[in-house]
Amino acid sequence: MAVTDSTGSLIAETEILERTILEEVVELHPERLTIPELILRIASDPEDEAKGERIRHAVRELRRSGLFRYRNGDELVEPTHAALRAFSLLTA
């Protein structure tokens, strides 16, 4: 059974998107992506504004969780040391 939040949207879908973004950013490290580049890599239709906003929201949530940081106030997304370490432990 899928878990839903108060709006009825699937929490699992959000978690899958966050996991996908985290994997993409960690696997490309030390190369850094901007949020628009990340949207191009992940979204099946980069012109889908709703999907782009969900990706932006997921990046913000990953940053709030301490897994991503922004550099110099730009849109570059970079994994933290904690994200790199956790990923290496979980995929070893």
Protein backbone atom coordinates (compact mmCIF):
# COMPACT_ATOMS: atom_id res chain seq x y z
CA MET A 1 0.00 0.00 0.00
CA ALA A 2 1.38 3.39 -0.97
CA VAL A 3 1.67 6.06 1.70
CA THR A 4 0.06 9.39 0.84
CA ASP A 5 0.26 12.83 2.39
CA SER A 6 -2.70 15.13 3.14
CA THR A 7 -2.94 16.24 -0.51
CA GLY A 8 -3.15 12.67 -1.75
CA SER A 9 0.13 12.77 -3.69
CA LEU A 10 2.42 9.81 -3.27
CA ILE A 11 5.24 10.28 -0.81
CA ALA A 12 7.00 7.35 -2.49
CA GLU A 13 7.15 9.29 -5.77
CA THR A 14 8.93 12.17 -4.04
CA GLU A 15 11.39 9.80 -2.41
CA ILE A 16 12.12 8.10 -5.73
CA LEU A 17 12.79 11.48 -7.33
CA GLU A 18 15.11 12.52 -4.49
CA ARG A 19 16.95 9.19 -4.72
CA THR A 20 17.31 9.57 -8.50
CA ILE A 21 18.71 13.09 -8.13
CA LEU A 22 21.09 12.04 -5.35
CA GLU A 23 22.39 9.12 -7.40
CA GLU A 24 22.89 11.30 -10.48
CA VAL A 25 24.78 14.01 -8.60
CA VAL A 26 26.95 11.59 -6.59
CA GLU A 27 27.82 9.43 -9.60
CA LEU A 28 28.88 12.50 -11.59
CA HIS A 29 30.95 13.94 -8.73
CA PRO A 30 33.35 15.81 -8.95
CA GLU A 31 31.57 17.16 -12.03
CA ARG A 32 28.91 19.62 -10.89
CA LEU A 33 25.56 20.28 -12.50
CA THR A 34 23.33 23.29 -12.42
CA ILE A 35 19.68 22.73 -11.56
CA PRO A 36 18.65 23.31 -15.21
CA GLU A 37 21.24 20.72 -16.34
CA LEU A 38 19.89 18.30 -13.75
CA ILE A 39 16.37 18.84 -15.07
CA LEU A 40 17.58 18.08 -18.61
CA ARG A 41 19.20 14.84 -17.44
CA ILE A 42 16.30 13.59 -15.32
CA ALA A 43 13.04 14.86 -16.80
CA SER A 44 11.61 12.84 -19.66
CA ASP A 45 10.23 16.13 -21.01
CA PRO A 46 12.49 19.03 -19.98
CA GLU A 47 9.74 21.46 -21.06
CA ASP A 48 7.37 20.02 -18.41
CA GLU A 49 7.35 22.90 -15.93
CA ALA A 50 5.63 20.86 -13.22
CA LYS A 51 8.32 18.18 -13.36
CA GLY A 52 11.03 20.86 -13.32
CA GLU A 53 9.50 22.39 -10.20
CA ARG A 54 9.34 18.97 -8.52
CA ILE A 55 13.04 18.51 -9.27
CA ARG A 56 13.84 21.97 -7.85
CA HIS A 57 11.83 21.14 -4.74
CA ALA A 58 13.62 17.79 -4.34
CA VAL A 59 17.01 19.54 -4.59
CA ARG A 60 15.90 22.00 -1.88
CA GLU A 61 14.84 19.10 0.34
CA LEU A 62 18.15 17.31 -0.20
CA ARG A 63 19.95 20.52 0.72
CA ARG A 64 17.83 20.90 3.87
CA SER A 65 18.74 17.31 4.76
CA GLY A 66 22.44 18.16 4.54
CA LEU A 67 23.09 16.06 1.44
CA PHE A 68 23.58 18.90 -1.07
CA ARG A 69 25.11 22.34 -0.93
CA TYR A 70 25.00 25.27 -3.28
CA ARG A 71 28.24 27.03 -4.16
CA ASN A 72 28.64 30.79 -4.47
CA GLY A 73 24.90 31.46 -4.57
CA ASP A 74 24.59 30.01 -8.07
CA GLU A 75 22.58 27.00 -9.18
CA LEU A 76 25.46 24.51 -9.02
CA VAL A 77 24.47 21.42 -7.06
CA GLU A 78 27.20 19.58 -5.19
CA PRO A 79 26.93 16.61 -2.81
CA THR A 80 28.25 17.04 0.71
CA HIS A 81 30.90 14.77 2.17
CA ALA A 82 28.13 13.05 4.16
CA ALA A 83 26.20 12.30 0.96
CA LEU A 84 29.28 10.87 -0.75
CA ARG A 85 30.14 8.72 2.27
CA ALA A 86 26.60 7.41 2.76
CA PHE A 87 26.28 6.62 -0.93
CA SER A 88 29.55 4.69 -0.92
CA LEU A 89 28.50 2.70 2.16
CA LEU A 90 25.05 1.89 0.78
CA THR A 91 26.24 0.86 -2.68
CA ALA A 92 29.35 -1.09 -1.68
